[in-house]
PDB file of N, CA and C in Angstrom:
ATOM      1  N   MET A   1       0.529  -1.335   0.109  1.00  0.00           N
ATOM      2  CA  MET A   1      -0.231  -0.051   0.216  1.00  0.00           C
ATOM      3  C   MET A   1       0.783   1.171  -0.020  1.00  0.00           C
ATOM      4  N   GLN A   2       1.820   1.247   0.450  1.00  0.00           N
ATOM      5  CA  GLN A   2       2.837   2.276   0.290  1.00  0.00           C
ATOM      6  C   GLN A   2       3.420   2.839  -0.634  1.00  0.00           C
ATOM      7  N   SER A   3       3.501   1.965  -1.977  1.00  0.00           N
ATOM      8  CA  SER A   3       3.921   2.227  -3.340  1.00  0.00           C
ATOM      9  C   SER A   3       2.595   2.886  -3.820  1.00  0.00           C
ATOM     10  N   PHE A   4       1.460   2.688  -3.577  1.00  0.00           N
ATOM     11  CA  PHE A   4       0.149   3.334  -3.962  1.00  0.00           C
ATOM     12  C   PHE A   4      -0.106   4.741  -3.686  1.00  0.00           C
ATOM     13  N   LEU A   5       0.483   4.977  -2.283  1.00  0.00           N
ATOM     14  CA  LEU A   5      -0.061   6.228  -1.759  1.00  0.00           C
ATOM     15  C   LEU A   5       0.655   7.718  -2.605  1.00  0.00           C
ATOM     16  N   PRO A   6       1.928   7.450  -3.431  1.00  0.00           N
ATOM     17  CA  PRO A   6       2.647   8.473  -4.182  1.00  0.00           C
ATOM     18  C   PRO A   6       1.605   8.646  -5.360  1.00  0.00           C
ATOM     19  N   TRP A   7       1.553   7.069  -5.898  1.00  0.00           N
ATOM     20  CA  TRP A   7       0.555   7.598  -7.309  1.00  0.00           C
ATOM     21  C   TRP A   7      -0.806   8.222  -6.625  1.00  0.00           C
ATOM     22  N   ARG A   8      -1.585   7.750  -5.908  1.00  0.00           N
ATOM     23  CA  ARG A   8      -2.545   8.476  -5.727  1.00  0.00           C
ATOM     24  C   ARG A   8      -2.539  10.309  -5.499  1.00  0.00           C
ATOM     25  N   ILE A   9      -1.335  10.411  -5.033  1.00  0.00           N
ATOM     26  CA  ILE A   9      -1.067  11.789  -4.577  1.00  0.00           C
ATOM     27  C   ILE A   9      -0.850  12.499  -5.934  1.00  0.00           C
ATOM     28  N   ARG A  10      -0.405  11.658  -6.666  1.00  0.00           N
ATOM     29  CA  ARG A  10       0.251  12.709  -7.992  1.00  0.00           C
ATOM     30  C   ARG A  10      -1.235  12.793  -9.032  1.00  0.00           C
ATOM     31  N   LYS A  11      -1.934  11.717  -8.740  1.00  0.00           N
ATOM     32  CA  LYS A  11      -3.268  11.467  -9.349  1.00  0.00           C
ATOM     33  C   LYS A  11      -4.156  12.998  -8.647  1.00  0.00           C
ATOM     34  N   ILE A  12      -4.382  12.952  -7.514  1.00  0.00           N
ATOM     35  CA  ILE A  12      -5.039  13.828  -6.759  1.00  0.00           C
ATOM     36  C   ILE A  12      -4.248  15.580  -7.454  1.00  0.00           C
ATOM     37  N   ARG A  13      -2.919  15.269  -7.174  1.00  0.00           N
ATOM     38  CA  ARG A  13      -2.164  16.671  -7.775  1.00  0.00           C
ATOM     39  C   ARG A  13      -2.820  17.101  -9.091  1.00  0.00           C
ATOM     40  N   CYS A  14      -2.745  16.233 -10.012  1.00  0.00           N
ATOM     41  CA  CYS A  14      -3.135  16.272 -11.503  1.00  0.00           C
ATOM     42  C   CYS A  14      -4.640  16.634 -11.631  1.00  0.00           C
ATOM     43  N   LEU A  15      -5.565  16.286 -10.889  1.00  0.00           N
ATOM     44  CA  LEU A  15      -6.943  16.771 -10.526  1.00  0.00           C
ATOM     45  C   LEU A  15      -6.697  18.295 -10.227  1.00  0.00           C
ATOM     46  N   ILE A  16      -6.141  18.459  -9.184  1.00  0.00           N
ATOM     47  CA  ILE A  16      -6.296  20.002  -8.974  1.00  0.00           C
ATOM     48  C   ILE A  16      -5.798  20.560  -9.670  1.00  0.00           C
ATOM     49  N   GLN A  17      -4.932  20.318 -10.249  1.00  0.00           N
ATOM     50  CA  GLN A  17      -4.251  21.251 -11.505  1.00  0.00           C
ATOM     51  C   GLN A  17      -4.975  21.605 -12.477  1.00  0.00           C
ATOM     52  N   ASN A  18      -5.785  20.331 -13.016  1.00  0.00           N
ATOM     53  CA  ASN A  18      -6.829  20.567 -14.102  1.00  0.00           C
ATOM     54  C   ASN A  18      -7.848  21.273 -13.638  1.00  0.00           C
ATOM     55  N   ILE A  19      -8.494  21.435 -12.400  1.00  0.00           N
ATOM     56  CA  ILE A  19      -9.388  22.348 -11.761  1.00  0.00           C
ATOM     57  C   ILE A  19      -9.024  23.639 -11.790  1.00  0.00           C
ATOM     58  N   VAL A  20      -7.632  23.939 -11.506  1.00  0.00           N
ATOM     59  CA  VAL A  20      -7.045  25.406 -11.533  1.00  0.00           C
ATOM     60  C   VAL A  20      -7.009  25.775 -12.988  1.00  0.00           C
ATOM     61  N   ASP A  21      -6.574  24.818 -13.652  1.00  0.00           N
ATOM     62  CA  ASP A  21      -6.235  25.585 -15.030  1.00  0.00           C
ATOM     63  C   ASP A  21      -7.762  25.752 -15.914  1.00  0.00           C
ATOM     64  N   HIS A  22      -8.897  25.139 -15.490  1.00  0.00           N
ATOM     65  CA  HIS A  22      -9.939  25.099 -16.308  1.00  0.00           C
ATOM     66  C   HIS A  22     -10.941  26.328 -15.521  1.00  0.00           C
ATOM     67  N   CYS A  23     -10.563  26.467 -14.049  1.00  0.00           N
ATOM     68  CA  CYS A  23     -11.382  27.531 -13.436  1.00  0.00           C
ATOM     69  C   CYS A  23     -10.760  28.858 -13.467  1.00  0.00           C
ATOM     70  N   GLY A  24      -9.495  28.813 -13.438  1.00  0.00           N
ATOM     71  CA  GLY A  24      -8.820  30.048 -13.003  1.00  0.00           C
ATOM     72  C   GLY A  24      -8.542  30.521 -11.726  1.00  0.00           C
ATOM     73  N   ASN A  25      -9.059  31.097 -11.191  1.00  0.00           N
ATOM     74  CA  ASN A  25      -9.293  31.489  -9.434  1.00  0.00           C
ATOM     75  C   ASN A  25     -10.086  30.564  -9.073  1.00  0.00           C
ATOM     76  N   ALA A  26      -9.612  29.410  -8.636  1.00  0.00           N
ATOM     77  CA  ALA A  26     -10.128  28.419  -7.829  1.00  0.00           C
ATOM     78  C   ALA A  26     -10.013  28.257  -6.408  1.00  0.00           C
ATOM     79  N   GLY A  27      -9.219  29.180  -5.884  1.00  0.00           N
ATOM     80  CA  GLY A  27      -9.114  28.977  -4.341  1.00  0.00           C
ATOM     81  C   GLY A  27     -10.202  28.696  -3.443  1.00  0.00           C
ATOM     82  N   PRO A  28     -11.414  29.752  -3.461  1.00  0.00           N
ATOM     83  CA  PRO A  28     -12.708  29.271  -2.773  1.00  0.00           C
ATOM     84  C   PRO A  28     -13.317  27.794  -3.101  1.00  0.00           C
ATOM     85  N   GLN A  29     -13.220  27.526  -4.187  1.00  0.00           N
ATOM     86  CA  GLN A  29     -13.915  26.119  -4.653  1.00  0.00           C
ATOM     87  C   GLN A  29     -13.149  24.836  -4.121  1.00  0.00           C
ATOM     88  N   LEU A  30     -11.734  25.262  -4.361  1.00  0.00           N
ATOM     89  CA  LEU A  30     -10.974  23.946  -3.790  1.00  0.00           C
ATOM     90  C   LEU A  30     -10.888  23.675  -2.459  1.00  0.00           C
ATOM     91  N   ASP A  31     -11.118  24.928  -1.601  1.00  0.00           N
ATOM     92  CA  ASP A  31     -11.118  25.007  -0.140  1.00  0.00           C
ATOM     93  C   ASP A  31     -12.285  24.026   0.131  1.00  0.00           C
ATOM     94  N   GLU A  32     -13.471  24.204  -0.428  1.00  0.00           N
ATOM     95  CA  GLU A  32     -14.688  23.342  -0.501  1.00  0.00           C
ATOM     96  C   GLU A  32     -14.480  22.161  -0.720  1.00  0.00           C
ATOM     97  N   LEU A  33     -14.040  21.771  -1.578  1.00  0.00           N
ATOM     98  CA  LEU A  33     -13.734  20.342  -2.308  1.00  0.00           C
ATOM     99  C   LEU A  33     -12.977  19.666  -1.373  1.00  0.00           C
ATOM    100  N   ALA A  34     -11.855  20.399  -0.855  1.00  0.00           N
ATOM    101  CA  ALA A  34     -10.778  19.706  -0.380  1.00  0.00           C
ATOM    102  C   ALA A  34     -11.356  18.185   0.700  1.00  0.00           C
ATOM    103  N   PRO A  35     -12.156  18.893   1.606  1.00  0.00           N
ATOM    104  CA  PRO A  35     -12.692  17.702   2.404  1.00  0.00           C
ATOM    105  C   PRO A  35     -13.517  16.478   1.737  1.00  0.00           C
ATOM    106  N   LEU A  36     -14.278  16.945   0.657  1.00  0.00           N
ATOM    107  CA  LEU A  36     -14.799  16.135  -0.084  1.00  0.00           C
ATOM    108  C   LEU A  36     -13.788  14.916  -0.628  1.00  0.00           C
ATOM    109  N   LEU A  37     -12.801  15.465  -1.271  1.00  0.00           N
ATOM    110  CA  LEU A  37     -11.789  14.819  -2.080  1.00  0.00           C
ATOM    111  C   LEU A  37     -11.357  13.701  -0.571  1.00  0.00           C
ATOM    112  N   VAL A  38     -10.542  14.217   0.349  1.00  0.00           N
ATOM    113  CA  VAL A  38     -10.297  13.516   1.142  1.00  0.00           C
ATOM    114  C   VAL A  38     -10.869  12.446   1.876  1.00  0.00           C
ATOM    115  N   SER A  39     -12.402  12.464   2.112  1.00  0.00           N
ATOM    116  CA  SER A  39     -13.435  11.890   2.568  1.00  0.00           C
ATOM    117  C   SER A  39     -13.354  10.455   1.481  1.00  0.00           C
ATOM    118  N   ASN A  40     -13.142  10.955   0.083  1.00  0.00           N
ATOM    119  CA  ASN A  40     -13.589   9.960  -0.784  1.00  0.00           C
ATOM    120  C   ASN A  40     -12.261   8.761  -0.982  1.00  0.00           C
ATOM    121  N   LEU A  41     -11.153   9.437  -0.584  1.00  0.00           N
ATOM    122  CA  LEU A  41      -9.986   8.871  -0.299  1.00  0.00           C
ATOM    123  C   LEU A  41      -9.785   8.019   0.721  1.00  0.00           C
ATOM    124  N   ARG A  42     -10.542   7.477   1.437  1.00  0.00           N
ATOM    125  CA  ARG A  42     -10.836   6.882   2.666  1.00  0.00           C
ATOM    126  C   ARG A  42      -9.221   6.503   3.428  1.00  0.00           C
ATOM    127  N   GLY A  43      -8.799   7.756   3.725  1.00  0.00           N
ATOM    128  CA  GLY A  43      -7.534   7.980   4.853  1.00  0.00           C
ATOM    129  C   GLY A  43      -5.962   7.651   3.923  1.00  0.00           C
ATOM    130  N   LEU A  44      -6.279   7.611   2.445  1.00  0.00           N
ATOM    131  CA  LEU A  44      -5.251   7.510   1.814  1.00  0.00           C
ATOM    132  C   LEU A  44      -4.110   8.854   1.609  1.00  0.00           C
ATOM    133  N   MET A  45      -4.969  10.090   1.807  1.00  0.00           N
ATOM    134  CA  MET A  45      -4.178  11.399   2.131  1.00  0.00           C
ATOM    135  C   MET A  45      -4.902  12.051   2.955  1.00  0.00           C
ATOM    136  N   THR A  46      -4.196  12.736   3.956  1.00  0.00           N
ATOM    137  CA  THR A  46      -4.806  13.536   4.765  1.00  0.00           C
ATOM    138  C   THR A  46      -5.525  15.430   4.347  1.00  0.00           C
ATOM    139  N   LEU A  47      -6.407  15.665   4.814  1.00  0.00           N
ATOM    140  CA  LEU A  47      -6.670  17.244   4.367  1.00  0.00           C
ATOM    141  C   LEU A  47      -5.258  18.189   4.722  1.00  0.00           C
ATOM    142  N   LEU A  48      -4.753  17.783   5.441  1.00  0.00           N
ATOM    143  CA  LEU A  48      -3.233  18.460   5.117  1.00  0.00           C
ATOM    144  C   LEU A  48      -2.472  18.155   4.287  1.00  0.00           C
ATOM    145  N   GLN A  49      -2.360  17.167   4.093  1.00  0.00           N
ATOM    146  CA  GLN A  49      -1.607  16.641   2.571  1.00  0.00           C
ATOM    147  C   GLN A  49      -2.437  17.233   1.198  1.00  0.00           C
ATOM    148  N   LEU A  50      -3.786  17.446   1.605  1.00  0.00           N
ATOM    149  CA  LEU A  50      -4.198  17.816   0.208  1.00  0.00           C
ATOM    150  C   LEU A  50      -4.000  19.576   0.075  1.00  0.00           C
ATOM    151  N   PHE A  51      -4.012  20.200   1.195  1.00  0.00           N
ATOM    152  CA  PHE A  51      -3.890  21.502   1.446  1.00  0.00           C
ATOM    153  C   PHE A  51      -2.496  21.994   0.934  1.00  0.00           C
ATOM    154  N   VAL A  52      -1.396  21.069   1.410  1.00  0.00           N
ATOM    155  CA  VAL A  52       0.070  21.333   0.883  1.00  0.00           C
ATOM    156  C   VAL A  52       0.023  21.317  -0.278  1.00  0.00           C
ATOM    157  N   ALA A  53      -0.632  20.197  -1.018  1.00  0.00           N
ATOM    158  CA  ALA A  53      -0.354  19.825  -2.852  1.00  0.00           C
ATOM    159  C   ALA A  53      -1.265  21.216  -3.295  1.00  0.00           C
ATOM    160  N   ILE A  54      -2.420  21.607  -2.768  1.00  0.00           N
ATOM    161  CA  ILE A  54      -2.870  22.788  -3.495  1.00  0.00           C
ATOM    162  C   ILE A  54      -2.201  24.024  -3.356  1.00  0.00           C
ATOM    163  N   ILE A  55      -1.482  24.384  -2.017  1.00  0.00           N
ATOM    164  CA  ILE A  55      -0.542  25.484  -1.867  1.00  0.00           C
ATOM    165  C   ILE A  55       0.433  25.332  -3.081  1.00  0.00           C
ATOM    166  N   ARG A  56       1.048  24.440  -3.347  1.00  0.00           N
ATOM    167  CA  ARG A  56       2.330  24.047  -4.188  1.00  0.00           C
ATOM    168  C   ARG A  56       2.102  24.364  -5.454  1.00  0.00           C
ATOM    169  N   ILE A  57       0.852  24.160  -5.979  1.00  0.00           N
ATOM    170  CA  ILE A  57       0.061  24.085  -7.087  1.00  0.00           C
ATOM    171  C   ILE A  57       0.363  25.520  -7.568  1.00  0.00           C
ATOM    172  N   PHE A  58      -0.490  26.111  -6.322  1.00  0.00           N
ATOM    173  CA  PHE A  58      -1.166  27.999  -6.715  1.00  0.00           C
ATOM    174  C   PHE A  58       0.465  28.586  -6.697  1.00  0.00           C
ATOM    175  N   VAL A  59       1.242  28.065  -6.258  1.00  0.00           N
ATOM    176  CA  VAL A  59       2.897  28.879  -6.282  1.00  0.00           C
ATOM    177  C   VAL A  59       3.357  28.583  -7.566  1.00  0.00           C
ATOM    178  N   GLU A  60       3.814  27.350  -7.803  1.00  0.00           N
ATOM    179  CA  GLU A  60       3.977  27.040  -9.140  1.00  0.00           C
ATOM    180  C   GLU A  60       3.245  27.750 -10.230  1.00  0.00           C
ATOM    181  N   LEU A  61       1.997  28.116 -10.186  1.00  0.00           N
ATOM    182  CA  LEU A  61       1.111  28.649 -10.739  1.00  0.00           C
ATOM    183  C   LEU A  61       1.346  30.489 -11.181  1.00  0.00           C
ATOM    184  N   LEU A  62       1.949  30.727 -10.236  1.00  0.00           N
ATOM    185  CA  LEU A  62       2.273  32.069  -9.722  1.00  0.00           C
ATOM    186  C   LEU A  62       0.984  32.786  -8.840  1.00  0.00           C
ATOM    187  N   MET A  63       0.035  31.850  -8.320  1.00  0.00           N
ATOM    188  CA  MET A  63      -1.159  32.415  -7.938  1.00  0.00           C
ATOM    189  C   MET A  63      -1.045  32.575  -6.385  1.00  0.00           C
ATOM    190  N   PHE A  64      -0.427  33.336  -5.992  1.00  0.00           N
ATOM    191  CA  PHE A  64       0.429  33.738  -4.622  1.00  0.00           C
ATOM    192  C   PHE A  64      -1.093  33.967  -3.808  1.00  0.00           C
ATOM    193  N   GLU A  65      -1.873  34.775  -4.071  1.00  0.00           N
ATOM    194  CA  GLU A  65      -3.000  35.248  -3.163  1.00  0.00           C
ATOM    195  C   GLU A  65      -3.776  33.798  -2.737  1.00  0.00           C
ATOM    196  N   ASP A  66      -4.136  33.101  -3.856  1.00  0.00           N
ATOM    197  CA  ASP A  66      -4.955  31.790  -3.570  1.00  0.00           C
ATOM    198  C   ASP A  66      -4.120  31.027  -2.682  1.00  0.00           C
ATOM    199  N   ALA A  67      -2.530  30.979  -3.107  1.00  0.00           N
ATOM    200  CA  ALA A  67      -1.796  30.291  -2.048  1.00  0.00           C
ATOM    201  C   ALA A  67      -2.048  30.490  -0.476  1.00  0.00           C
ATOM    202  N   LEU A  68      -1.972  32.083  -0.282  1.00  0.00           N
ATOM    203  CA  LEU A  68      -2.078  32.476   1.165  1.00  0.00           C
ATOM    204  C   LEU A  68      -3.206  32.238   1.469  1.00  0.00           C
ATOM    205  N   LEU A  69      -4.509  32.311   0.432  1.00  0.00           N
ATOM    206  CA  LEU A  69      -5.800  32.279   1.252  1.00  0.00           C
ATOM    207  C   LEU A  69      -5.982  30.669   1.629  1.00  0.00           C
ATOM    208  N   THR A  70      -5.165  29.713   0.852  1.00  0.00           N
ATOM    209  CA  THR A  70      -5.292  28.250   1.362  1.00  0.00           C
ATOM    210  C   THR A  70      -4.617  27.936   2.373  1.00  0.00           C
ATOM    211  N   TYR A  71      -3.014  28.868   2.603  1.00  0.00           N
ATOM    212  CA  TYR A  71      -2.476  28.686   3.907  1.00  0.00           C
ATOM    213  C   TYR A  71      -3.421  28.690   5.422  1.00  0.00           C
ATOM    214  N   ILE A  72      -4.181  29.947   5.065  1.00  0.00           N
ATOM    215  CA  ILE A  72      -4.920  30.492   6.253  1.00  0.00           C
ATOM    216  C   ILE A  72      -6.032  29.350   6.562  1.00  0.00           C
ATOM    217  N   GLU A  73      -6.898  28.699   5.379  1.00  0.00           N
ATOM    218  CA  GLU A  73      -7.651  27.679   5.277  1.00  0.00           C
ATOM    219  C   GLU A  73      -7.025  26.429   5.853  1.00  0.00           C
ATOM    220  N   ALA A  74      -5.551  26.140   5.656  1.00  0.00           N
ATOM    221  CA  ALA A  74      -4.735  25.061   6.161  1.00  0.00           C
ATOM    222  C   ALA A  74      -4.447  25.132   7.756  1.00  0.00           C
ATOM    223  N   LYS A  75      -4.445  26.247   8.017  1.00  0.00           N
ATOM    224  CA  LYS A  75      -4.057  26.346   9.557  1.00  0.00           C
ATOM    225  C   LYS A  75      -4.986  25.831  10.501  1.00  0.00           C
ATOM    226  N   LYS A  76      -6.098  26.153   9.896  1.00  0.00           N
ATOM    227  CA  LYS A  76      -7.386  25.250  10.618  1.00  0.00           C
ATOM    228  C   LYS A  76      -7.230  24.076  10.987  1.00  0.00           C
ATOM    229  N   VAL A  77      -6.399  23.194  10.297  1.00  0.00           N
ATOM    230  CA  VAL A  77      -5.985  21.640  10.410  1.00  0.00           C
ATOM    231  C   VAL A  77      -4.847  21.812  11.046  1.00  0.00           C
ATOM    232  N   GLY A  78      -4.052  22.259  10.845  1.00  0.00           N
ATOM    233  CA  GLY A  78      -2.171  22.225  11.370  1.00  0.00           C
ATOM    234  C   GLY A  78      -1.752  22.561  10.286  1.00  0.00           C
ATOM    235  N   VAL A  79      -0.737  23.426  10.073  1.00  0.00           N
ATOM    236  CA  VAL A  79       0.151  23.688   9.218  1.00  0.00           C
ATOM    237  C   VAL A  79       1.737  22.905   9.393  1.00  0.00           C
ATOM    238  N   GLN A  80       2.223  22.879   8.448  1.00  0.00           N
ATOM    239  CA  GLN A  80       3.572  21.915   8.395  1.00  0.00           C
ATOM    240  C   GLN A  80       4.687  23.198   7.979  1.00  0.00           C
ATOM    241  N   LEU A  81       5.346  23.172   9.037  1.00  0.00           N
ATOM    242  CA  LEU A  81       6.462  24.171   9.088  1.00  0.00           C
ATOM    243  C   LEU A  81       7.073  24.311   7.381  1.00  0.00           C
ATOM    244  N   GLN A  82       7.238  22.592   6.706  1.00  0.00           N
ATOM    245  CA  GLN A  82       8.021  23.153   5.683  1.00  0.00           C
ATOM    246  C   GLN A  82       7.244  23.880   4.313  1.00  0.00           C
ATOM    247  N   VAL A  83       5.736  23.420   4.366  1.00  0.00           N
ATOM    248  CA  VAL A  83       5.347  24.394   3.754  1.00  0.00           C
ATOM    249  C   VAL A  83       5.062  25.854   3.773  1.00  0.00           C
ATOM    250  N   CYS A  84       4.899  26.076   4.850  1.00  0.00           N
ATOM    251  CA  CYS A  84       5.275  27.556   5.359  1.00  0.00           C
ATOM    252  C   CYS A  84       6.674  28.192   4.635  1.00  0.00           C
ATOM    253  N   ASN A  85       7.605  27.588   4.770  1.00  0.00           N
ATOM    254  CA  ASN A  85       9.049  28.171   4.581  1.00  0.00           C
ATOM    255  C   ASN A  85       8.826  28.006   3.149  1.00  0.00           C
ATOM    256  N   PHE A  86       8.222  26.911   2.170  1.00  0.00           N
ATOM    257  CA  PHE A  86       8.529  26.904   0.998  1.00  0.00           C
ATOM    258  C   PHE A  86       7.634  28.186   0.119  1.00  0.00           C
ATOM    259  N   LEU A  87       6.424  28.563   1.035  1.00  0.00           N
ATOM    260  CA  LEU A  87       5.533  29.582   0.607  1.00  0.00           C
ATOM    261  C   LEU A  87       6.332  30.925   0.397  1.00  0.00           C
ATOM    262  N   LEU A  88       6.791  30.982   1.920  1.00  0.00           N
ATOM    263  CA  LEU A  88       7.601  32.235   2.094  1.00  0.00           C
ATOM    264  C   LEU A  88       8.542  32.378   1.114  1.00  0.00           C
ATOM    265  N   LYS A  89       9.539  31.611   0.748  1.00  0.00           N
ATOM    266  CA  LYS A  89      10.720  31.536   0.117  1.00  0.00           C
ATOM    267  C   LYS A  89      10.310  31.778  -1.699  1.00  0.00           C
ATOM    268  N   HIS A  90       9.234  31.094  -1.783  1.00  0.00           N
ATOM    269  CA  HIS A  90       9.031  31.848  -3.282  1.00  0.00           C
ATOM    270  C   HIS A  90       8.201  33.019  -3.322  1.00  0.00           C
ATOM    271  N   LEU A  91       7.725  33.458  -2.354  1.00  0.00           N
ATOM    272  CA  LEU A  91       7.089  34.837  -2.279  1.00  0.00           C
ATOM    273  C   LEU A  91       8.177  35.665  -2.393  1.00  0.00           C
ATOM    274  N   VAL A  92       9.264  35.672  -1.658  1.00  0.00           N
ATOM    275  CA  VAL A  92      10.507  36.515  -1.591  1.00  0.00           C
ATOM    276  C   VAL A  92      11.214  36.420  -2.972  1.00  0.00           C
ATOM    277  N   GLU A  93      11.201  35.027  -3.510  1.00  0.00           N
ATOM    278  CA  GLU A  93      12.016  35.277  -4.860  1.00  0.00           C
ATOM    279  C   GLU A  93      11.170  35.722  -5.906  1.00  0.00           C
ATOM    280  N   ARG A  94      10.011  35.630  -5.799  1.00  0.00           N
ATOM    281  CA  ARG A  94       8.768  36.446  -7.080  1.00  0.00           C
ATOM    282  C   ARG A  94       8.880  37.915  -6.532  1.00  0.00           C
ATOM    283  N   ASN A  95       9.435  38.601  -5.712  1.00  0.00           N
ATOM    284  CA  ASN A  95       9.107  39.649  -5.279  1.00  0.00           C
ATOM    285  C   ASN A  95       8.197  40.299  -4.824  1.00  0.00           C
ATOM    286  N   GLN A  96       7.119  39.343  -4.175  1.00  0.00           N
ATOM    287  CA  GLN A  96       5.788  39.563  -3.484  1.00  0.00           C
ATOM    288  C   GLN A  96       6.128  39.948  -2.195  1.00  0.00           C
ATOM    289  N   ILE A  97       6.448  41.092  -2.107  1.00  0.00           N
ATOM    290  CA  ILE A  97       7.136  41.507  -0.700  1.00  0.00           C
ATOM    291  C   ILE A  97       5.524  41.822   0.185  1.00  0.00           C
ATOM    292  N   MET A  98       4.557  42.355  -0.462  1.00  0.00           N
ATOM    293  CA  MET A  98       3.413  42.623   0.725  1.00  0.00           C
ATOM    294  C   MET A  98       2.760  40.875   1.252  1.00  0.00           C
ATOM    295  N   TYR A  99       2.722  40.269   0.142  1.00  0.00           N
ATOM    296  CA  TYR A  99       2.428  38.682   0.677  1.00  0.00           C
ATOM    297  C   TYR A  99       3.490  38.178   1.717  1.00  0.00           C
ATOM    298  N   ALA A 100       4.791  38.495   1.236  1.00  0.00           N
ATOM    299  CA  ALA A 100       5.685  37.724   2.100  1.00  0.00           C
ATOM    300  C   ALA A 100       5.731  38.246   3.415  1.00  0.00           C
ATOM    301  N   GLY A 101       5.365  39.504   3.399  1.00  0.00           N
ATOM    302  CA  GLY A 101       5.536  40.152   4.907  1.00  0.00           C
ATOM    303  C   GLY A 101       4.335  39.659   5.692  1.00  0.00           C
ATOM    304  N   SER A 102       3.179  39.631   5.079  1.00  0.00           N
ATOM    305  CA  SER A 102       1.806  39.338   5.476  1.00  0.00           C
ATOM    306  C   SER A 102       1.898  37.793   6.163  1.00  0.00           C
ATOM    307  N   LEU A 103       2.685  37.028   5.373  1.00  0.00           N
ATOM    308  CA  LEU A 103       2.853  35.359   5.884  1.00  0.00           C
ATOM    309  C   LEU A 103       3.946  35.414   6.990  1.00  0.00           C
ATOM    310  N   PHE A 104       4.866  36.133   6.801  1.00  0.00           N
ATOM    311  CA  PHE A 104       6.164  36.237   7.969  1.00  0.00           C
ATOM    312  C   PHE A 104       5.542  36.729   9.203  1.00  0.00           C
ATOM    313  N   ASP A 105       4.715  37.818   9.082  1.00  0.00           N
ATOM    314  CA  ASP A 105       4.011  38.347  10.222  1.00  0.00           C
ATOM    315  C   ASP A 105       3.080  37.247  11.015  1.00  0.00           C
ATOM    316  N   ASP A 106       2.255  36.667  10.021  1.00  0.00           N
ATOM    317  CA  ASP A 106       1.476  35.486  10.553  1.00  0.00           C
ATOM    318  C   ASP A 106       2.189  34.069  11.368  1.00  0.00           C
ATOM    319  N   MET A 107       3.360  34.118  10.632  1.00  0.00           N
ATOM    320  CA  MET A 107       3.988  33.071  11.170  1.00  0.00           C
ATOM    321  C   MET A 107       4.758  33.110  12.250  1.00  0.00           C
ATOM    322  N   LYS A 108       5.025  34.497  12.803  1.00  0.00           N
ATOM    323  CA  LYS A 108       5.752  34.838  13.845  1.00  0.00           C
ATOM    324  C   LYS A 108       4.575  34.987  14.975  1.00  0.00           C
ATOM    325  N   SER A 109       3.242  35.421  14.641  1.00  0.00           N
ATOM    326  CA  SER A 109       2.356  35.454  15.825  1.00  0.00           C
ATOM    327  C   SER A 109       1.405  34.182  15.828  1.00  0.00           C
ATOM    328  N   SER A 110       1.402  33.506  14.893  1.00  0.00           N
ATOM    329  CA  SER A 110       0.680  32.191  15.286  1.00  0.00           C
ATOM    330  C   SER A 110       1.018  30.939  15.176  1.00  0.00           C
ATOM    331  N   GLY A 111       2.076  30.795  14.479  1.00  0.00           N
ATOM    332  CA  GLY A 111       3.039  29.444  14.329  1.00  0.00           C
ATOM    333  C   GLY A 111       2.819  29.413  13.116  1.00  0.00           C
ATOM    334  N   PRO A 112       3.658  28.033  12.494  1.00  0.00           N
ATOM    335  CA  PRO A 112       4.620  27.436  13.300  1.00  0.00           C
ATOM    336  C   PRO A 112       5.389  27.994  13.953  1.00  0.00           C
ATOM    337  N   SER A 113       6.006  27.305  15.034  1.00  0.00           N
ATOM    338  CA  SER A 113       7.221  28.290  15.829  1.00  0.00           C
ATOM    339  C   SER A 113       8.488  28.100  14.906  1.00  0.00           C
ATOM    340  N   PRO A 114       9.503  28.916  14.863  1.00  0.00           N
ATOM    341  CA  PRO A 114      10.252  29.013  14.272  1.00  0.00           C
ATOM    342  C   PRO A 114      11.570  27.687  14.742  1.00  0.00           C
ATOM    343  N   ASN A 115      12.131  26.940  14.189  1.00  0.00           N
ATOM    344  CA  ASN A 115      13.342  26.309  14.456  1.00  0.00           C
ATOM    345  C   ASN A 115      14.557  26.652  13.699  1.00  0.00           C
ATOM    346  N   VAL A 116      15.696  25.614  13.891  1.00  0.00           N
ATOM    347  CA  VAL A 116      16.855  26.151  12.974  1.00  0.00           C
ATOM    348  C   VAL A 116      16.901  25.934  11.435  1.00  0.00           C
ATOM    349  N   TYR A 117      15.852  25.312  10.947  1.00  0.00           N
ATOM    350  CA  TYR A 117      15.455  25.199   9.397  1.00  0.00           C
ATOM    351  C   TYR A 117      14.629  26.556   9.111  1.00  0.00           C
ATOM    352  N   SER A 118      13.941  26.803   9.968  1.00  0.00           N
ATOM    353  CA  SER A 118      12.656  27.870   9.494  1.00  0.00           C
ATOM    354  C   SER A 118      13.397  29.194   9.267  1.00  0.00           C
ATOM    355  N   TYR A 119      12.433  30.412   9.020  1.00  0.00           N
ATOM    356  CA  TYR A 119      12.085  31.633   8.788  1.00  0.00           C
ATOM    357  C   TYR A 119      13.441  32.260   9.735  1.00  0.00           C
TER     358      TYR A 119
END
């Protein structure tokens, strides 16, 4: 079953990519769709893993506002430090200073807590 999980994640990622490509600004719709997808996967992917995939897709497509809105939704579930750093790094690299500042302030005030690998 371990070898099945990466395949499933790739398929879900492809589905999300297609939704975003088709709808353009799909952030709110994906936030509503996420719990449905996870429940149909029957434990093969967590809601947090799905939010991470959505954030990564938005960053790759330079849809930073949608990535930040998804980050806010993901905080309700629990955010992984790696995705915060990934998002912050890409915002800075793309000169999205306003978004990077907002994310950084949020990370400082509400977590995740910094460590030797984080911001």
